[in-house]
Amino acid sequence: MLRLLIEFRDNTNLRIALDDLYSQFKEAPVLGSLIQPEKSLSSESLFEIKWKDIEPLLSRALAEEETETTEVRVIAKGIAKAASILFNQYHFLPTNVPYLSQGKQSPILSSFCKNSFYDARHDLANVFLERMHDLLRDNGVAQVVMPQNWLYLKRYQNHRIGLLRKWKWNLTARLGEGGFDSASAAGAFVALYTFTNNESSGSNIIKFIDCSTISGAEYKARGLKNLEIKKIEQKTQFSNPGAAVTFENQGDIPLLSKYCSALSGISTGELNRFTKKHWEVFRFGGEWELSQTSSIQTCHFTGLTNAVLWQKGAGELYDLVQSVKHLNHAAQNWQRGKPNWGKPGISISKMRELKASIYSERIYDENCCAIIPADPSIMPALWEFCRSPEYNHEVRKINQSILVQTKYMIMNRPGFRRHLQTLY
C-alpha cells in the first residue's frame, strides 16, 4: 500500500480515494456489505475519480498486504466482483438482515456503525436497513425481516423519523415471537417490512397485518395470507409521542399520561443480600420494610411477598450506594419510585401480560411500576381499566417487548375515559 501511495503521490484525489477504500476493504471480514465504496468517490473533490481507474490499484494494495490472514487474501482475489456489487444500485432487495445490538458488536464494527450510521447504531439490523437505502435505485423496493422494537423505543426516534421521511412504507406485518422455525431465533420479536425508496407523499397509506398473537411460524405464514389488512396514513405517525409507529388511528383521544404518572421501583443491585420473603423476617419497622413486587395474576392484593433491608435508608444499602456512586451500578436506583410512596395507585407487573394489583403505597421494586392518578378520586375507574384485558391490549399496540419500559405504561390512548364516565 505504501508503494502505491508513493507511486501516485502527485495525484492527490486518487491517493485519498485509494487510501479510504483500502481502509474499508481491509476490514471486509467484519464489515461485509456495509462497505461503502461510493462514499470514497462521491465527494466534490473526488468527482473525477472513477471506479474503473481505482479498482485495479485497490486489488494490488490488498494483494501486497504483509499478512497471512486468509480473509484478506480472499478479498484481494475477488475485489473487482465484490466492489462492483457494492457499488451498484438495485431495484429489489429482499433479505433477513443480521441482528446484533451495539453492546455485542466488536470495537471495529461498533465504531464503523457509530461513524457511518449514527441514528441506526443501536442494532446492526437497523444499520443494514440504512445501508439498503443507499443500495436501492429510486423507487426500488426493500423487503426485510428484522426486529420490531425500533418502531417504538426512544433510542431509535431519529432513525424512525428519517425513514418515515425518506421512504414510502408499503407494508408492515408484525410477526412477534416465534416468527422463525429455528430454535436459535427463540425470543426474537420480528416483523416483515416493505419499503419503497421514494419520499412519502402526504397521502401515502401503510398497510398493516398483525400475526403476533398466532403461535408457530407455519400458522403465522397463513395469517399473512388470510388476516385482515388494516390501513393508516403514514403522516399520522409523526404526531405520535416520539414518532412511535402504531397502526390504529388514535384521533384526539388523550394519553393515559394526561390523568396519571408512573415510576419504576427500586433496584438494590444485590438481590440476595437486601431482599427476603416476608416470612423470613422476624420483625418489621427497624431493619426490614415490606416491599411490593410483580404478580403472576391480576387481583386486588398480590405481589406482597417481599421485604427489603432498608434500615431507614441509612444502613448497609446506603453504604453500598456511596461506595459505587462513581460507577454505573444498579444500586444507584435504590430510591427510584420514592415520590410515589404513600400515594394510592395501581401496581403493574412489567413482564408479558402486565398483571395489575392495588399499589400498597410502600416501597416497590423494579419488576413493577406504580401508576399514580393525579386525582385520587378516579382510582376506581383506573383500577377497572388496568385490570381489564383492554389495558394490556392498548399497551401492546405500541410496545411488544417482553419487558415493557415504565413510560409506555401510560403512553397508550385508552378507552379509559369510558371507565371514567361511569363515576359521573
Protein backbone atom coordinates (compact mmCIF):
# COMPACT_ATOMS: atom_id res chain seq x y z
CA MET A 1 0.00 0.00 0.00
CA LEU A 2 2.83 2.40 0.89
CA ARG A 3 4.47 1.83 -2.52
CA LEU A 4 1.21 2.72 -4.28
CA LEU A 5 0.76 5.89 -2.27
CA ILE A 6 4.30 6.94 -3.18
CA GLU A 7 3.72 5.99 -6.78
CA PHE A 8 0.66 8.25 -7.02
CA ARG A 9 1.82 10.99 -4.64
CA ASP A 10 1.24 13.65 -7.32
CA ASN A 11 -2.43 12.66 -7.80
CA THR A 12 -3.97 13.85 -4.54
CA ASN A 13 -7.55 12.83 -5.37
CA LEU A 14 -6.56 9.34 -6.41
CA ARG A 15 -4.32 8.89 -3.39
CA ILE A 16 -7.04 9.97 -0.92
CA ALA A 17 -9.68 7.78 -2.53
CA LEU A 18 -7.32 4.80 -2.65
CA ASP A 19 -6.38 5.22 0.99
CA ASP A 20 -10.02 5.42 2.11
CA LEU A 21 -11.11 2.43 0.04
CA TYR A 22 -8.16 0.42 1.24
CA SER A 23 -9.10 1.15 4.86
CA GLN A 24 -12.66 -0.06 4.25
CA PHE A 25 -11.86 -3.23 2.31
CA LYS A 26 -9.12 -4.14 4.76
CA GLU A 27 -11.95 -4.69 7.32
CA ALA A 28 -14.13 -6.61 4.86
CA PRO A 29 -14.31 -9.76 7.07
CA VAL A 30 -16.02 -7.61 9.72
CA LEU A 31 -17.94 -5.05 7.68
CA GLY A 32 -19.03 -7.16 4.69
CA SER A 33 -21.70 -5.41 2.63
CA LEU A 34 -21.66 -2.39 4.92
CA ILE A 35 -18.59 -1.23 2.99
CA GLN A 36 -19.45 1.93 1.04
CA PRO A 37 -17.09 2.32 -1.94
CA GLU A 38 -19.29 5.03 -3.40
CA LYS A 39 -18.63 7.28 -0.38
CA SER A 40 -14.91 7.38 -1.17
CA LEU A 41 -15.56 8.57 -4.72
CA SER A 42 -18.55 10.84 -4.31
CA SER A 43 -17.24 13.99 -2.62
CA GLU A 44 -16.81 17.06 -4.78
CA SER A 45 -13.04 16.99 -4.53
CA LEU A 46 -13.01 13.43 -5.94
CA PHE A 47 -15.61 13.78 -8.69
CA GLU A 48 -13.16 12.85 -11.45
CA ILE A 49 -12.19 9.53 -9.86
CA LYS A 50 -13.89 6.55 -11.49
CA TRP A 51 -14.16 3.05 -10.12
CA LYS A 52 -12.58 1.57 -13.25
CA ASP A 53 -9.45 3.61 -12.54
CA ILE A 54 -9.09 2.77 -8.88
CA GLU A 55 -10.26 -0.88 -8.76
CA PRO A 56 -7.01 -2.48 -10.06
CA LEU A 57 -4.96 -0.29 -7.72
CA LEU A 58 -7.01 -1.35 -4.69
CA SER A 59 -6.60 -5.00 -5.73
CA ARG A 60 -2.82 -4.50 -5.81
CA ALA A 61 -2.82 -2.81 -2.42
CA LEU A 62 -4.70 -5.65 -0.76
CA ALA A 63 -2.63 -8.30 -2.53
CA GLU A 64 0.60 -6.71 -1.24
CA GLU A 65 -0.64 -6.63 2.35
CA GLU A 66 2.02 -8.26 4.51
CA THR A 67 -0.22 -10.64 6.37
CA GLU A 68 -1.20 -14.29 6.27
CA THR A 69 -4.87 -13.54 7.01
CA THR A 70 -6.94 -15.80 4.78
CA GLU A 71 -9.85 -13.37 4.62
CA VAL A 72 -7.64 -10.56 3.28
CA ARG A 73 -6.26 -12.81 0.54
CA VAL A 74 -9.79 -13.82 -0.49
CA ILE A 75 -10.82 -10.20 -0.67
CA ALA A 76 -7.74 -9.40 -2.76
CA LYS A 77 -8.62 -12.10 -5.30
CA GLY A 78 -12.29 -11.18 -5.59
CA ILE A 79 -12.04 -7.44 -5.14
CA ALA A 80 -13.46 -6.41 -8.51
CA LYS A 81 -16.57 -8.54 -8.17
CA ALA A 82 -17.21 -7.62 -4.53
CA ALA A 83 -16.78 -3.91 -5.15
CA SER A 84 -18.93 -3.86 -8.27
CA ILE A 85 -21.79 -5.46 -6.30
CA LEU A 86 -21.47 -2.86 -3.52
CA PHE A 87 -21.07 -0.01 -5.99
CA ASN A 88 -24.28 -0.77 -7.93
CA GLN A 89 -27.85 0.13 -7.07
CA TYR A 90 -30.75 -2.31 -7.25
CA HIS A 91 -34.47 -2.47 -7.97
CA PHE A 92 -35.34 -5.06 -5.29
CA LEU A 93 -33.57 -6.07 -2.08
CA PRO A 94 -35.27 -8.92 -0.14
CA THR A 95 -33.33 -10.10 2.91
CA ASN A 96 -33.29 -11.19 6.53
CA VAL A 97 -30.68 -8.82 7.95
CA PRO A 98 -28.33 -9.84 10.81
CA TYR A 99 -29.34 -8.76 14.32
CA LEU A 100 -26.69 -7.65 16.82
CA SER A 101 -27.11 -4.99 19.50
CA GLN A 102 -24.46 -2.33 19.87
CA GLY A 103 -23.13 -3.71 23.13
CA LYS A 104 -22.29 -7.06 21.49
CA GLN A 105 -20.53 -5.62 18.44
CA SER A 106 -16.75 -5.75 18.04
CA PRO A 107 -14.88 -2.44 18.51
CA ILE A 108 -14.29 -2.16 14.75
CA LEU A 109 -17.94 -2.80 13.86
CA SER A 110 -19.28 -0.59 16.63
CA SER A 111 -17.04 2.31 15.63
CA PHE A 112 -17.98 1.98 11.97
CA CYS A 113 -21.72 1.92 12.75
CA LYS A 114 -21.41 4.95 15.01
CA ASN A 115 -19.43 6.96 12.44
CA SER A 116 -21.37 5.96 9.33
CA PHE A 117 -24.94 5.27 10.55
CA TYR A 118 -25.21 7.14 13.83
CA ASP A 119 -29.01 7.18 14.25
CA ALA A 120 -29.23 3.43 13.50
CA ARG A 121 -26.17 2.37 15.50
CA HIS A 122 -28.06 0.67 18.33
CA ASP A 123 -28.58 -2.54 16.34
CA LEU A 124 -26.84 -3.97 13.31
CA ALA A 125 -30.24 -4.74 11.75
CA ASN A 126 -31.08 -1.03 11.60
CA VAL A 127 -27.63 -0.19 10.26
CA PHE A 128 -28.26 -2.62 7.41
CA LEU A 129 -31.66 -1.03 6.82
CA GLU A 130 -29.95 2.33 6.29
CA ARG A 131 -27.35 0.68 4.05
CA MET A 132 -30.14 -0.80 1.94
CA HIS A 133 -31.42 2.71 1.32
CA ASP A 134 -28.07 3.54 -0.32
CA LEU A 135 -28.17 0.37 -2.40
CA LEU A 136 -31.64 0.99 -3.84
CA ARG A 137 -32.43 2.85 -7.04
CA ASP A 138 -35.13 5.49 -6.97
CA ASN A 139 -38.46 3.69 -6.49
CA GLY A 140 -36.57 0.50 -5.66
CA VAL A 141 -38.16 -1.80 -3.07
CA ALA A 142 -36.67 -3.23 0.12
CA GLN A 143 -38.34 -6.19 1.81
CA VAL A 144 -36.77 -7.15 5.09
CA VAL A 145 -37.39 -9.25 8.20
CA MET A 146 -35.95 -7.62 11.33
CA PRO A 147 -36.81 -6.79 14.95
CA GLN A 148 -39.86 -4.66 15.68
CA ASN A 149 -38.69 -2.83 18.82
CA TRP A 150 -37.23 0.06 16.82
CA LEU A 151 -40.79 1.06 15.88
CA TYR A 152 -41.35 2.47 19.37
CA LEU A 153 -38.16 2.62 21.50
CA LYS A 154 -36.94 6.14 22.18
CA ARG A 155 -33.33 5.48 21.17
CA TYR A 156 -34.47 4.85 17.59
CA GLN A 157 -36.56 8.02 17.36
CA ASN A 158 -34.30 9.93 14.92
CA HIS A 159 -33.76 6.79 12.84
CA ARG A 160 -37.52 6.21 12.73
CA ILE A 161 -38.30 9.80 11.73
CA GLY A 162 -35.66 9.66 9.00
CA LEU A 163 -37.16 6.53 7.44
CA LEU A 164 -40.69 7.92 7.67
CA ARG A 165 -39.48 10.93 5.68
CA LYS A 166 -37.31 9.33 3.02
CA TRP A 167 -39.21 6.08 2.36
CA LYS A 168 -42.73 5.11 1.50
CA TRP A 169 -43.82 2.46 3.95
CA ASN A 170 -45.87 -0.08 1.99
CA LEU A 171 -46.46 -2.90 4.44
CA THR A 172 -45.61 -3.84 7.99
CA ALA A 173 -46.55 -7.35 9.08
CA ARG A 174 -45.97 -7.86 12.79
CA LEU A 175 -44.89 -11.49 13.33
CA GLY A 176 -44.00 -11.21 17.02
CA GLU A 177 -42.31 -14.04 18.89
CA GLY A 178 -41.76 -17.33 17.09
CA GLY A 179 -41.54 -15.88 13.60
CA PHE A 180 -38.86 -18.43 12.65
CA ASP A 181 -38.80 -22.22 12.77
CA SER A 182 -35.21 -22.18 14.02
CA ALA A 183 -34.70 -22.64 17.76
CA SER A 184 -31.71 -20.30 17.58
CA ALA A 185 -34.13 -17.43 16.87
CA ALA A 186 -36.18 -18.04 20.02
CA GLY A 187 -37.03 -14.82 21.84
CA ALA A 188 -36.77 -12.65 18.73
CA PHE A 189 -39.78 -10.40 18.14
CA VAL A 190 -39.74 -9.61 14.44
CA ALA A 191 -41.77 -8.03 11.67
CA LEU A 192 -41.78 -8.14 7.88
CA TYR A 193 -41.40 -4.73 6.26
CA THR A 194 -41.77 -3.49 2.68
CA PHE A 195 -40.44 -0.03 1.79
CA THR A 196 -40.15 1.95 -1.45
CA ASN A 197 -37.17 4.24 -1.94
CA ASN A 198 -39.16 7.38 -2.55
CA GLU A 199 -40.10 10.21 -0.23
CA SER A 200 -43.55 9.71 1.18
CA SER A 201 -46.30 11.96 -0.08
CA GLY A 202 -48.77 13.26 2.45
CA SER A 203 -51.35 10.72 1.33
CA ASN A 204 -49.25 7.54 1.49
CA ILE A 205 -51.06 4.65 3.20
CA ILE A 206 -49.27 1.98 5.26
CA LYS A 207 -50.80 -1.49 5.16
CA PHE A 208 -50.58 -3.46 8.39
CA ILE A 209 -51.09 -7.12 9.30
CA ASP A 210 -50.81 -8.38 12.88
CA CYS A 211 -49.80 -12.04 13.24
CA SER A 212 -48.14 -11.56 16.64
CA THR A 213 -50.83 -13.44 18.60
CA ILE A 214 -50.62 -16.52 16.36
CA SER A 215 -48.33 -19.34 17.55
CA GLY A 216 -45.98 -21.12 15.16
CA ALA A 217 -44.20 -19.93 12.02
CA GLU A 218 -46.41 -22.06 9.75
CA TYR A 219 -49.60 -20.54 11.13
CA LYS A 220 -48.16 -17.03 11.01
CA ALA A 221 -47.45 -17.62 7.30
CA ARG A 222 -51.12 -18.50 6.80
CA GLY A 223 -52.08 -15.39 8.71
CA LEU A 224 -50.11 -13.24 6.29
CA LYS A 225 -52.36 -14.54 3.52
CA ASN A 226 -55.69 -14.52 5.31
CA LEU A 227 -55.83 -11.89 8.07
CA GLU A 228 -57.44 -8.51 7.66
CA ILE A 229 -55.20 -5.77 6.26
CA LYS A 230 -55.50 -2.52 8.19
CA LYS A 231 -54.59 0.84 6.69
CA ILE A 232 -53.33 4.09 8.18
CA GLU A 233 -51.83 7.27 6.80
CA GLN A 234 -48.05 7.42 7.10
CA LYS A 235 -48.03 11.10 8.05
CA THR A 236 -50.05 10.41 11.22
CA GLN A 237 -47.05 8.62 12.75
CA PHE A 238 -45.26 11.94 13.26
CA SER A 239 -47.95 13.06 15.73
CA ASN A 240 -47.41 10.04 18.00
CA PRO A 241 -45.19 10.52 21.09
CA GLY A 242 -41.61 10.07 19.89
CA ALA A 243 -42.97 9.33 16.39
CA ALA A 244 -43.64 5.78 17.60
CA VAL A 245 -45.15 3.75 14.78
CA THR A 246 -48.61 2.44 15.66
CA PHE A 247 -51.26 1.05 13.39
CA GLU A 248 -54.52 2.46 14.58
CA ASN A 249 -56.00 5.89 14.01
CA GLN A 250 -55.96 7.36 17.52
CA GLY A 251 -57.71 10.62 16.69
CA ASP A 252 -57.80 13.11 19.56
CA ILE A 253 -58.11 10.54 22.35
CA PRO A 254 -55.82 11.70 25.20
CA LEU A 255 -52.98 9.59 26.54
CA LEU A 256 -53.35 7.93 29.91
CA SER A 257 -50.47 10.20 30.99
CA LYS A 258 -52.97 13.08 30.99
CA TYR A 259 -54.52 11.55 34.09
CA CYS A 260 -51.62 9.64 35.70
CA SER A 261 -47.88 9.42 36.26
CA ALA A 262 -45.75 6.28 36.52
CA LEU A 263 -42.36 5.42 38.01
CA SER A 264 -40.33 2.21 38.22
CA GLY A 265 -39.34 0.79 41.60
CA ILE A 266 -36.06 0.41 43.45
CA SER A 267 -33.06 -1.68 42.50
CA THR A 268 -30.56 -2.71 45.17
CA GLY A 269 -28.01 -4.25 42.82
CA GLU A 270 -27.58 -7.22 45.20
CA LEU A 271 -30.88 -9.04 45.44
CA ASN A 272 -29.81 -11.90 47.70
CA ARG A 273 -28.23 -9.53 50.19
CA PHE A 274 -31.02 -6.98 50.54
CA THR A 275 -34.22 -8.87 49.73
CA LYS A 276 -36.07 -11.66 51.55
CA LYS A 277 -39.55 -13.10 51.63
CA HIS A 278 -41.64 -11.53 54.38
CA TRP A 279 -41.99 -14.85 56.23
CA GLU A 280 -38.21 -14.97 56.61
CA VAL A 281 -38.20 -11.74 58.62
CA PHE A 282 -38.94 -11.78 62.35
CA ARG A 283 -39.72 -8.08 62.89
CA PHE A 284 -40.52 -5.09 60.64
CA GLY A 285 -40.15 -1.35 61.10
CA GLY A 286 -36.49 -1.29 62.13
CA GLU A 287 -34.10 -3.15 59.86
CA TRP A 288 -36.61 -4.53 57.35
CA GLU A 289 -39.53 -2.97 55.46
CA LEU A 290 -42.25 -4.70 53.48
CA SER A 291 -41.98 -4.14 49.72
CA GLN A 292 -44.17 -4.87 46.72
CA THR A 293 -43.08 -6.78 43.64
CA SER A 294 -44.60 -8.15 40.43
CA SER A 295 -47.51 -10.58 40.45
CA ILE A 296 -48.45 -13.58 38.35
CA GLN A 297 -52.16 -12.76 38.25
CA THR A 298 -54.43 -9.76 38.31
CA CYS A 299 -56.24 -9.35 41.61
CA HIS A 300 -56.76 -6.67 44.24
CA PHE A 301 -53.88 -7.56 46.53
CA THR A 302 -50.89 -9.51 45.24
CA GLY A 303 -47.13 -9.16 44.84
CA LEU A 304 -46.91 -8.55 48.60
CA THR A 305 -44.32 -11.22 49.34
CA ASN A 306 -41.05 -9.33 49.71
CA ALA A 307 -39.12 -7.42 52.33
CA VAL A 308 -36.12 -5.14 51.81
CA LEU A 309 -33.25 -4.42 54.22
CA TRP A 310 -33.95 -0.70 54.42
CA GLN A 311 -32.64 0.39 57.83
CA LYS A 312 -34.45 3.72 57.46
CA GLY A 313 -32.38 4.47 54.36
CA ALA A 314 -29.17 4.86 56.34
CA GLY A 315 -27.74 1.34 56.66
CA GLU A 316 -25.91 -1.23 54.55
CA LEU A 317 -27.73 -0.39 51.34
CA TYR A 318 -26.88 3.28 51.74
CA ASP A 319 -23.24 2.37 52.35
CA LEU A 320 -23.18 0.28 49.17
CA VAL A 321 -24.65 3.16 47.18
CA GLN A 322 -21.98 5.52 48.46
CA SER A 323 -19.20 3.06 47.63
CA VAL A 324 -20.30 2.68 44.00
CA LYS A 325 -21.55 6.20 43.29
CA HIS A 326 -18.73 6.72 40.78
CA LEU A 327 -19.88 3.64 38.83
CA ASN A 328 -22.88 2.87 36.66
CA HIS A 329 -24.20 0.46 39.27
CA ALA A 330 -27.81 -0.75 39.69
CA ALA A 331 -27.75 0.35 43.33
CA GLN A 332 -27.85 3.97 42.16
CA ASN A 333 -31.58 3.35 41.72
CA TRP A 334 -32.11 2.49 45.37
CA GLN A 335 -34.67 5.28 45.90
CA ARG A 336 -36.36 5.11 42.50
CA GLY A 337 -40.12 5.44 42.86
CA LYS A 338 -39.88 7.28 46.19
CA PRO A 339 -42.15 10.16 45.02
CA ASN A 340 -44.95 7.56 44.76
CA TRP A 341 -44.54 6.06 48.23
CA GLY A 342 -47.59 6.73 50.37
CA LYS A 343 -49.87 7.54 47.43
CA PRO A 344 -52.82 5.48 46.16
CA GLY A 345 -52.32 3.87 42.78
CA ILE A 346 -52.11 0.72 40.69
CA SER A 347 -49.12 -1.65 40.56
CA ILE A 348 -48.42 -3.10 37.11
CA SER A 349 -46.08 -6.03 36.52
CA LYS A 350 -43.76 -5.12 33.64
CA MET A 351 -43.38 -8.55 32.03
CA ARG A 352 -45.54 -10.08 29.29
CA GLU A 353 -49.25 -9.75 30.23
CA LEU A 354 -48.89 -6.73 32.56
CA LYS A 355 -50.79 -8.03 35.57
CA ALA A 356 -52.39 -5.40 37.82
CA SER A 357 -52.97 -5.08 41.55
CA ILE A 358 -53.68 -2.33 44.07
CA TYR A 359 -50.48 -0.47 44.97
CA SER A 360 -49.72 -0.90 48.68
CA GLU A 361 -48.23 2.64 48.95
CA ARG A 362 -44.99 1.05 50.21
CA ILE A 363 -41.53 0.60 48.72
CA TYR A 364 -41.76 -1.41 45.49
CA ASP A 365 -39.09 -2.97 43.27
CA GLU A 366 -38.06 -2.66 39.63
CA ASN A 367 -40.17 -5.63 38.49
CA CYS A 368 -43.27 -3.46 38.66
CA CYS A 369 -44.24 0.16 38.34
CA ALA A 370 -46.76 2.26 40.21
CA ILE A 371 -49.32 4.25 38.21
CA ILE A 372 -50.49 7.18 40.34
CA PRO A 373 -53.61 9.18 39.40
CA ALA A 374 -53.29 12.96 39.63
CA ASP A 375 -56.77 12.94 41.18
CA PRO A 376 -57.20 10.10 43.72
CA SER A 377 -60.96 10.16 43.17
CA ILE A 378 -60.52 8.44 39.78
CA MET A 379 -58.85 5.38 41.38
CA PRO A 380 -61.96 3.17 40.87
CA ALA A 381 -62.00 3.93 37.13
CA LEU A 382 -58.22 3.47 36.86
CA TRP A 383 -58.42 0.09 38.58
CA GLU A 384 -61.26 -1.10 36.34
CA PHE A 385 -59.26 -0.14 33.26
CA CYS A 386 -55.89 -1.58 34.37
CA ARG A 387 -57.34 -4.90 35.46
CA SER A 388 -59.23 -5.36 32.17
CA PRO A 389 -57.67 -7.15 29.15
CA GLU A 390 -58.12 -3.86 27.33
CA TYR A 391 -55.20 -2.26 29.21
CA ASN A 392 -52.67 -4.91 28.17
CA HIS A 393 -54.04 -4.77 24.62
CA GLU A 394 -53.62 -0.98 24.43
CA VAL A 395 -50.05 -1.03 25.77
CA ARG A 396 -49.07 -3.84 23.41
CA LYS A 397 -50.22 -1.81 20.44
CA ILE A 398 -47.18 0.42 20.93
CA ASN A 399 -44.70 -1.83 22.74
CA GLN A 400 -44.37 -5.58 22.18
CA SER A 401 -41.21 -6.12 24.25
CA ILE A 402 -41.30 -8.91 26.83
CA LEU A 403 -40.24 -6.34 29.43
CA VAL A 404 -42.11 -3.07 28.94
CA GLN A 405 -40.39 0.14 30.00
CA THR A 406 -42.40 2.13 32.52
CA LYS A 407 -43.04 5.18 30.35
CA TYR A 408 -45.02 3.07 27.88
CA MET A 409 -47.47 2.08 30.64
CA ILE A 410 -49.14 5.48 30.32
CA MET A 411 -48.40 6.31 26.66
CA ASN A 412 -51.39 4.37 25.39
CA ARG A 413 -54.56 6.10 24.20
CA PRO A 414 -57.09 4.02 26.09
CA GLY A 415 -60.78 3.61 26.47
CA PHE A 416 -60.04 4.84 29.99
CA ARG A 417 -62.47 7.72 29.56
CA ARG A 418 -65.29 5.19 29.23
CA HIS A 419 -64.42 3.84 32.69
CA LEU A 420 -64.06 7.39 33.97
CA GLN A 421 -67.54 8.34 32.77
CA THR A 422 -69.07 5.65 34.99
CA LEU A 423 -68.11 7.79 38.00
CA TYR A 424 -70.12 10.79 36.90
